Amino acid sequence: MTGYPLELDLAGRPVVVIGGGRVALRRTRALVDAGALVTVIAPVLRAEFPAASVTLLRREYRDGDLAGAWLAHAATDDPAVNAAVAAAAERERIWCVRADDASASAASTPAVTRHGEITVAVTASGDPRRSQALRAAIATALADGSLPVRRRARRRGTVGTVGTVALIGGGPGDAGLITVLGRRLLAEADVVVVDKLAPRSLLAELDPDVEVIDAGKAPHAHNLTQAQINNLIVDRALAGQRVARLKGGDPFVFGRGGEEALACVRAGVPFRVVPGVTSAVAVPAYAGIPVTHRGVTQDFAVVSAHLDPSQPGATVDWESLARGPGTLVLLMGVAHLAEISAELIKRGRDAATPVAVIRDGTMPSQDVLTSTLGQVAADADRAGVRPPAVVVIGEVVRLRELLEVA
């Protein structure tokens, strides 16, 4: 059947639903949401019908019940009653939807999904199962951002408009590990400010008119300073644009997301934080190393290890970390691996403690070097280890032999 798709504004208009079962209830709820003045007629009604929002008539259908209606739904389990309702609607020139027989119905209801201000209705030549399957696929694609629906960007300098900032954690590397919300907000953005370790393959999915600004943030080689980034995202949001700040890992785990959030607060810019899968736990997990394991350790510490522990300005409490029983996860620790290992051994950690250095974690190029605390710096140097890498120190490293996934 080839129909003519049409969206109806039913706000304040009378609609009659004949039937009191599950299908009638579902359609009544949708009609109420659309603002229709709904009358439901059936001798028996499910208790879930919203009595405060509709007129309920507990009786059989009678000729004349459709008078004045704009739309009717015949949703009883009796084909004869549904046929009588449809015939009356035809005489009165009222559109009628038959729930039991779409081919005998003058109108039909599509499978519908809603995503914010977007409504998608799907029909498939009268095949409800096919339309529902397509609807489910579209709903999933809209939710995860793989089917982006972006509103037109507001012009820069528009008076009285303020955009938004989304601080998005992109995860540890693999683009598939970004959250569903993060991917959707990225797809809806007008401007994307991206870091070096963010999942950059996602940028290829953006609309061509989305502005991408490379913030860099590589060690000792920043494209933009943090102050410049703060000013940039605030300026673009104040110009009415939707800004996505795409970072690697989680924005609040050594991602300086807190500083960017405070910049938004000071400027009166609405923002939201989208947590990401931090590399501190995800990268070891991909390498077959749980950071906690019953009978091995109940705690772990995550350390920003980009400073030489022996130099002024290093505020990490290496004494406590060396003597604690838990797993240590070092981020940004490759450059000072020798000094950190020596510091931990000096303060009490056994030089035979297992260590793993994981390069390009979660990516196809992931590589894992295993060693001991006393030897890891020399082994990493011989192997030519370069950032990005995550270092795991503790007995849980031994589990890799059992848990490594090929």
Protein backbone atom coordinates (compact mmCIF):
# COMPACT_ATOMS: atom_id res chain seq x y z
CA MET A 1 0.00 0.00 0.00
CA THR A 2 1.27 3.45 -0.93
CA GLY A 3 0.07 6.00 1.58
CA TYR A 4 0.47 9.72 2.02
CA PRO A 5 2.52 10.47 5.15
CA LEU A 6 1.12 13.32 7.23
CA GLU A 7 1.74 14.69 10.72
CA LEU A 8 -1.43 15.82 12.52
CA ASP A 9 -1.71 18.59 15.08
CA LEU A 10 -4.31 17.10 17.43
CA ALA A 11 -3.87 19.57 20.28
CA GLY A 12 -7.31 20.46 21.60
CA ARG A 13 -9.10 18.31 19.00
CA PRO A 14 -11.44 15.43 19.93
CA VAL A 15 -10.33 11.87 19.20
CA VAL A 16 -12.27 8.70 19.98
CA VAL A 17 -10.64 5.38 20.89
CA ILE A 18 -12.86 2.29 20.82
CA GLY A 19 -11.35 -0.45 22.97
CA GLY A 20 -9.99 -0.90 26.46
CA GLY A 21 -7.07 -3.27 26.03
CA ARG A 22 -3.31 -2.99 25.67
CA VAL A 23 -3.29 -1.56 22.14
CA ALA A 24 -5.98 1.00 22.99
CA LEU A 25 -4.03 2.02 26.09
CA ARG A 26 -0.82 2.54 24.12
CA ARG A 27 -2.55 4.66 21.50
CA THR A 28 -4.44 6.65 24.14
CA ARG A 29 -1.21 7.56 25.89
CA ALA A 30 0.31 8.76 22.61
CA LEU A 31 -2.79 10.84 21.85
CA VAL A 32 -2.73 12.42 25.29
CA ASP A 33 0.94 13.28 24.78
CA ALA A 34 -0.07 14.97 21.51
CA GLY A 35 -2.60 17.13 23.38
CA ALA A 36 -5.75 15.51 21.95
CA LEU A 37 -9.09 15.50 23.79
CA VAL A 38 -9.50 11.73 24.06
CA THR A 39 -12.64 9.75 24.74
CA VAL A 40 -12.21 6.02 25.34
CA ILE A 41 -15.21 3.71 24.94
CA ALA A 42 -15.19 0.07 26.05
CA PRO A 43 -17.18 -2.12 28.45
CA VAL A 44 -13.96 -3.18 30.19
CA LEU A 45 -10.95 -0.85 30.59
CA ARG A 46 -7.47 -1.59 31.85
CA ALA A 47 -6.72 0.07 35.16
CA GLU A 48 -3.74 1.93 33.65
CA PHE A 49 -5.89 4.27 31.53
CA PRO A 50 -5.13 7.86 32.61
CA ALA A 51 -8.56 8.74 34.01
CA ALA A 52 -7.51 12.29 34.84
CA SER A 53 -6.53 13.02 31.23
CA VAL A 54 -9.25 11.30 29.19
CA THR A 55 -13.01 10.72 29.19
CA LEU A 56 -13.75 7.07 29.98
CA LEU A 57 -17.09 5.55 28.94
CA ARG A 58 -17.49 1.99 30.26
CA ARG A 59 -19.98 0.64 27.73
CA GLU A 60 -20.29 -0.87 24.28
CA TYR A 61 -19.69 1.20 21.16
CA ARG A 62 -22.82 2.87 19.77
CA ASP A 63 -23.60 4.41 16.43
CA GLY A 64 -23.02 8.16 16.72
CA ASP A 65 -20.09 7.90 19.14
CA LEU A 66 -17.77 9.41 16.54
CA ALA A 67 -19.76 12.60 16.07
CA GLY A 68 -17.49 15.64 16.13
CA ALA A 69 -14.27 13.61 16.22
CA TRP A 70 -11.28 14.41 14.03
CA LEU A 71 -9.81 10.91 14.31
CA ALA A 72 -10.92 7.49 15.50
CA HIS A 73 -9.05 4.38 16.60
CA ALA A 74 -10.82 1.03 16.38
CA ALA A 75 -8.79 -1.10 18.78
CA THR A 76 -11.11 -3.80 20.12
CA ASP A 77 -10.55 -7.56 19.85
CA ASP A 78 -13.81 -7.93 17.91
CA PRO A 79 -13.37 -7.50 14.11
CA ALA A 80 -17.11 -6.81 13.68
CA VAL A 81 -16.98 -3.86 16.09
CA ASN A 82 -13.83 -2.53 14.44
CA ALA A 83 -15.49 -2.81 11.03
CA ALA A 84 -18.57 -0.95 12.28
CA VAL A 85 -16.40 1.85 13.69
CA ALA A 86 -14.46 2.11 10.42
CA ALA A 87 -17.69 2.20 8.38
CA ALA A 88 -19.15 4.94 10.60
CA ALA A 89 -15.95 6.93 10.27
CA GLU A 90 -16.07 6.61 6.49
CA ARG A 91 -19.64 7.93 6.42
CA GLU A 92 -18.69 10.86 8.67
CA ARG A 93 -15.47 11.54 6.74
CA ILE A 94 -13.37 10.91 9.84
CA TRP A 95 -9.99 9.23 9.52
CA CYS A 96 -10.00 5.86 11.28
CA VAL A 97 -7.17 3.52 12.25
CA ARG A 98 -8.04 -0.16 12.62
CA ALA A 99 -5.67 -1.99 14.93
CA ASP A 100 -6.71 -5.45 13.73
CA ASP A 101 -6.49 -5.03 9.94
CA ALA A 102 -4.27 -2.31 8.46
CA SER A 103 -5.32 -3.25 4.91
CA ALA A 104 -8.95 -2.41 5.75
CA SER A 105 -8.02 0.84 7.46
CA ALA A 106 -8.25 4.29 5.92
CA ALA A 107 -5.33 5.42 8.09
CA SER A 108 -2.43 3.72 9.82
CA THR A 109 -0.01 4.51 12.60
CA PRO A 110 3.70 4.32 11.82
CA ALA A 111 6.40 3.05 14.15
CA VAL A 112 7.66 6.19 15.88
CA THR A 113 10.85 7.15 17.66
CA ARG A 114 11.65 10.53 19.17
CA HIS A 115 15.03 12.06 19.79
CA GLY A 116 14.89 15.48 21.40
CA GLU A 117 13.02 17.72 18.97
CA ILE A 118 13.21 15.12 16.17
CA THR A 119 10.36 12.70 15.44
CA VAL A 120 10.91 9.83 13.00
CA ALA A 121 7.93 7.82 11.70
CA VAL A 122 8.54 4.57 9.80
CA THR A 123 6.18 2.62 7.58
CA ALA A 124 6.99 -0.50 5.57
CA SER A 125 4.09 -1.31 3.22
CA GLY A 126 1.85 -2.45 6.03
CA ASP A 127 4.43 -4.77 7.62
CA PRO A 128 4.48 -3.70 11.30
CA ARG A 129 7.34 -6.00 12.32
CA ARG A 130 9.60 -4.57 9.62
CA SER A 131 8.69 -0.98 10.53
CA GLN A 132 9.37 -1.68 14.21
CA ALA A 133 12.75 -3.21 13.40
CA LEU A 134 13.68 -0.19 11.28
CA ARG A 135 12.44 2.14 14.01
CA ALA A 136 14.63 0.39 16.58
CA ALA A 137 17.70 0.66 14.32
CA ILE A 138 17.08 4.37 13.72
CA ALA A 139 16.52 5.01 17.43
CA THR A 140 19.83 3.35 18.27
CA ALA A 141 21.69 5.31 15.58
CA LEU A 142 20.21 8.60 16.79
CA ALA A 143 21.05 7.81 20.40
CA ASP A 144 24.69 6.87 19.79
CA GLY A 145 25.35 9.67 17.29
CA SER A 146 26.10 7.42 14.31
CA LEU A 147 23.09 9.07 12.64
CA PRO A 148 23.78 12.72 13.50
CA VAL A 149 20.94 15.21 13.44
CA ARG A 150 22.41 18.63 13.91
CA ARG A 151 20.49 21.86 14.19
CA ARG A 152 21.73 24.78 12.11
CA ALA A 153 24.49 26.62 13.94
CA ARG A 154 23.65 30.05 15.25
CA ARG A 155 25.56 32.90 13.71
CA ARG A 156 28.50 34.24 15.64
CA GLY A 157 27.70 37.48 17.41
CA THR A 158 23.92 36.90 17.58
CA VAL A 159 22.67 39.10 20.38
CA GLY A 160 21.18 37.35 23.39
CA THR A 161 22.08 33.78 22.48
CA VAL A 162 24.34 31.54 24.52
CA GLY A 163 25.48 28.15 23.36
CA THR A 164 26.72 25.21 25.40
CA VAL A 165 29.94 23.38 26.18
CA ALA A 166 30.18 19.59 26.47
CA LEU A 167 33.37 18.31 28.12
CA ILE A 168 33.49 14.85 26.57
CA GLY A 169 35.71 12.00 27.69
CA GLY A 170 36.60 10.08 24.54
CA GLY A 171 37.92 7.00 26.29
CA PRO A 172 41.33 5.32 26.23
CA GLY A 173 41.90 5.20 22.47
CA ASP A 174 39.55 2.84 20.66
CA ALA A 175 36.79 5.03 19.20
CA GLY A 176 34.21 2.39 20.13
CA LEU A 177 34.79 3.09 23.82
CA ILE A 178 33.36 6.60 23.79
CA THR A 179 30.01 6.74 25.60
CA VAL A 180 26.75 6.87 23.69
CA LEU A 181 26.03 10.34 25.09
CA GLY A 182 29.50 11.56 24.20
CA ARG A 183 29.19 10.41 20.62
CA ARG A 184 25.77 12.01 20.25
CA LEU A 185 26.88 15.39 21.62
CA LEU A 186 29.92 15.27 19.35
CA ALA A 187 27.64 14.69 16.35
CA GLU A 188 25.47 17.67 17.35
CA ALA A 189 28.34 20.12 17.85
CA ASP A 190 29.09 23.21 15.79
CA VAL A 191 32.71 23.37 17.02
CA VAL A 192 34.93 20.51 18.21
CA VAL A 193 38.09 21.30 20.19
CA VAL A 194 40.12 18.09 20.19
CA ASP A 195 43.17 16.85 22.12
CA LYS A 196 46.01 14.72 20.79
CA LEU A 197 44.94 11.53 22.59
CA ALA A 198 41.22 11.83 21.82
CA PRO A 199 39.65 9.24 19.45
CA ARG A 200 40.30 11.30 16.32
CA SER A 201 38.80 8.76 13.93
CA LEU A 202 35.40 10.04 15.06
CA LEU A 203 36.16 13.40 13.44
CA ALA A 204 35.74 11.84 10.01
CA GLU A 205 32.05 11.26 10.80
CA LEU A 206 31.31 14.95 11.44
CA ASP A 207 29.42 17.13 9.00
CA PRO A 208 31.76 19.06 6.67
CA ASP A 209 30.67 22.39 8.13
CA VAL A 210 31.68 21.47 11.69
CA GLU A 211 34.75 23.45 12.73
CA VAL A 212 37.50 21.26 14.20
CA ILE A 213 40.18 23.00 16.27
CA ASP A 214 43.28 21.00 17.18
CA ALA A 215 44.29 21.80 20.73
CA GLY A 216 47.21 19.38 20.52
CA LYS A 217 48.18 18.95 24.17
CA ALA A 218 51.12 16.68 23.40
CA PRO A 219 53.86 16.67 26.06
CA HIS A 220 55.95 19.84 25.78
CA ALA A 221 54.31 20.71 22.42
CA HIS A 222 50.90 22.29 23.01
CA ASN A 223 49.06 23.73 20.02
CA LEU A 224 47.10 25.84 22.49
CA THR A 225 47.81 26.65 26.11
CA GLN A 226 45.20 25.73 28.69
CA ALA A 227 44.28 29.39 29.12
CA GLN A 228 43.77 29.71 25.37
CA ILE A 229 41.56 26.62 25.34
CA ASN A 230 39.46 27.99 28.20
CA ASN A 231 39.01 31.29 26.39
CA LEU A 232 38.23 29.56 23.11
CA ILE A 233 35.42 27.33 24.36
CA VAL A 234 33.87 30.19 26.35
CA ASP A 235 34.08 32.60 23.40
CA ARG A 236 32.44 30.17 20.99
CA ALA A 237 29.67 29.29 23.45
CA LEU A 238 28.97 32.98 24.11
CA ALA A 239 28.64 33.36 20.34
CA GLY A 240 25.74 30.89 20.46
CA GLN A 241 27.55 27.78 19.27
CA ARG A 242 27.49 24.23 20.62
CA VAL A 243 31.04 23.39 21.63
CA ALA A 244 32.31 19.83 22.09
CA ARG A 245 35.60 19.60 23.97
CA LEU A 246 36.84 16.13 23.04
CA LYS A 247 39.49 14.64 25.30
CA GLY A 248 41.13 11.29 25.75
CA GLY A 249 40.12 9.21 28.77
CA ASP A 250 37.95 11.02 31.30
CA PRO A 251 37.88 14.84 31.42
CA PHE A 252 38.21 14.89 35.21
CA VAL A 253 41.07 12.37 35.48
CA PHE A 254 44.22 14.39 34.73
CA GLY A 255 42.29 15.95 31.85
CA ARG A 256 42.06 19.50 33.25
CA GLY A 257 38.34 19.33 32.63
CA GLY A 258 37.73 20.95 35.99
CA GLU A 259 39.60 24.06 34.87
CA GLU A 260 37.51 24.28 31.72
CA ALA A 261 34.30 23.77 33.70
CA LEU A 262 35.28 26.60 36.07
CA ALA A 263 35.96 28.87 33.09
CA CYS A 264 32.40 28.18 31.91
CA VAL A 265 30.99 28.87 35.36
CA ARG A 266 32.78 32.22 35.57
CA ALA A 267 31.50 33.23 32.13
CA GLY A 268 27.94 32.05 32.74
CA VAL A 269 28.14 29.42 30.01
CA PRO A 270 26.00 26.27 30.40
CA PHE A 271 28.13 23.14 30.35
CA ARG A 272 27.90 19.44 30.96
CA VAL A 273 30.51 16.82 31.75
CA VAL A 274 30.35 13.53 29.87
CA PRO A 275 32.49 11.01 31.77
CA GLY A 276 34.81 8.85 29.73
CA VAL A 277 36.41 5.44 30.22
CA THR A 278 39.71 6.33 31.84
CA SER A 279 42.85 4.68 30.52
CA ALA A 280 43.90 4.06 34.13
CA VAL A 281 41.59 1.03 34.29
CA ALA A 282 40.67 0.36 30.64
CA VAL A 283 44.19 -0.01 29.27
CA PRO A 284 45.28 -2.55 31.91
CA ALA A 285 41.98 -4.40 31.39
CA TYR A 286 42.61 -4.69 27.64
CA ALA A 287 46.04 -6.11 28.47
CA GLY A 288 44.52 -8.76 30.75
CA ILE A 289 45.40 -6.98 34.00
CA PRO A 290 42.62 -6.16 36.50
CA VAL A 291 43.73 -3.32 38.75
CA THR A 292 42.02 -5.07 41.69
CA HIS A 293 41.55 -8.79 42.24
CA ARG A 294 40.22 -10.70 45.23
CA GLY A 295 43.03 -12.25 47.18
CA VAL A 296 45.64 -10.05 45.49
CA THR A 297 44.76 -6.43 46.17
CA GLN A 298 41.68 -4.46 47.18
CA ASP A 299 42.89 -1.00 46.22
CA PHE A 300 44.74 0.88 43.52
CA ALA A 301 46.17 4.35 43.06
CA VAL A 302 46.35 6.40 39.88
CA VAL A 303 49.32 8.77 39.68
CA SER A 304 50.22 11.55 37.28
CA ALA A 305 53.90 10.71 36.95
CA HIS A 306 55.12 13.34 34.52
CA LEU A 307 57.53 14.88 37.07
CA ASP A 308 60.84 13.49 38.33
CA PRO A 309 60.03 12.51 41.96
CA SER A 310 63.40 13.80 43.14
CA GLN A 311 62.87 17.32 41.78
CA PRO A 312 61.17 20.31 43.46
CA GLY A 313 57.49 20.59 42.57
CA ALA A 314 56.83 16.84 42.71
CA THR A 315 53.97 16.54 45.22
CA VAL A 316 53.17 12.82 44.92
CA ASP A 317 53.44 10.97 48.24
CA TRP A 318 55.81 8.26 47.02
CA GLU A 319 56.42 7.09 50.58
CA SER A 320 52.80 6.01 51.01
CA LEU A 321 52.60 4.54 47.53
CA ALA A 322 55.76 2.50 48.04
CA ARG A 323 54.58 1.02 51.34
CA GLY A 324 50.93 0.50 50.39
CA PRO A 325 49.77 -2.94 49.29
CA GLY A 326 47.77 -1.81 46.28
CA THR A 327 48.29 -1.58 42.54
CA LEU A 328 49.96 1.55 41.18
CA VAL A 329 48.89 2.88 37.79
CA LEU A 330 51.20 5.53 36.37
CA LEU A 331 49.99 7.87 33.65
CA MET A 332 52.51 9.98 31.76
CA GLY A 333 55.32 8.11 33.52
CA VAL A 334 57.52 6.86 30.68
CA ALA A 335 59.95 9.78 30.68
CA HIS A 336 60.86 9.33 34.36
CA LEU A 337 60.41 5.58 34.71
CA ALA A 338 63.96 5.07 36.00
CA GLU A 339 63.64 7.77 38.67
CA ILE A 340 60.20 6.57 39.75
CA SER A 341 61.32 2.95 40.03
CA ALA A 342 64.35 3.95 42.07
CA GLU A 343 62.19 6.10 44.36
CA LEU A 344 59.71 3.32 45.03
CA ILE A 345 62.46 0.78 45.74
CA LYS A 346 64.24 3.25 48.01
CA ARG A 347 61.05 3.74 50.00
CA GLY A 348 60.25 0.06 50.41
CA ARG A 349 58.74 -1.50 47.30
CA ASP A 350 60.30 -4.85 46.41
CA ALA A 351 62.47 -4.61 43.30
CA ALA A 352 60.94 -7.93 42.18
CA THR A 353 57.43 -6.43 42.01
CA PRO A 354 55.89 -7.22 38.59
CA VAL A 355 55.46 -4.27 36.22
CA ALA A 356 53.69 -3.91 32.87
CA VAL A 357 54.21 -1.08 30.41
CA ILE A 358 51.30 -0.90 27.95
CA ARG A 359 51.75 1.12 24.77
CA ASP A 360 48.88 2.29 22.54
CA GLY A 361 46.36 0.73 24.90
CA THR A 362 43.07 -0.58 23.40
CA MET A 363 44.33 0.11 19.87
CA PRO A 364 45.29 -2.51 17.24
CA SER A 365 48.92 -1.49 17.80
CA GLN A 366 48.76 -2.21 21.55
CA ASP A 367 51.97 -3.72 22.90
CA VAL A 368 52.74 -4.90 26.41
CA LEU A 369 56.17 -5.13 28.02
CA THR A 370 56.36 -7.03 31.31
CA SER A 371 59.27 -6.74 33.71
CA THR A 372 60.04 -6.04 37.35
CA LEU A 373 60.36 -2.79 39.23
CA GLY A 374 64.12 -3.14 39.34
CA GLN A 375 64.52 -3.84 35.61
CA VAL A 376 61.61 -2.09 33.90
CA ALA A 377 63.40 1.17 33.09
CA ALA A 378 66.25 -0.61 31.33
CA ASP A 379 63.88 -3.01 29.55
CA ALA A 380 61.65 -0.15 28.37
CA ASP A 381 64.66 1.78 27.11
CA ARG A 382 65.92 -1.22 25.12
CA ALA A 383 62.44 -1.73 23.67
CA GLY A 384 62.25 1.91 22.62
CA VAL A 385 59.06 2.59 24.60
CA ARG A 386 57.60 6.00 23.88
CA PRO A 387 54.40 7.69 25.07
CA PRO A 388 51.51 7.15 25.21
CA ALA A 389 51.95 4.30 27.67
CA VAL A 390 50.38 3.20 30.93
CA VAL A 391 52.54 1.61 33.62
CA VAL A 392 51.03 -0.91 36.05
CA ILE A 393 52.99 -1.88 39.17
CA GLY A 394 51.78 -4.70 41.41
CA GLU A 395 51.05 -8.39 41.82
CA VAL A 396 48.00 -8.15 39.55
CA VAL A 397 50.39 -8.04 36.58
CA ARG A 398 50.96 -11.77 37.08
CA LEU A 399 47.32 -12.40 36.13
CA ARG A 400 48.07 -11.32 32.56
CA GLU A 401 49.36 -14.80 31.73
CA LEU A 402 45.89 -16.18 32.51
CA LEU A 403 43.66 -13.35 31.37
CA GLU A 404 45.29 -11.98 28.22
CA VAL A 405 42.80 -11.94 25.37
CA ALA A 406 44.23 -12.82 21.97
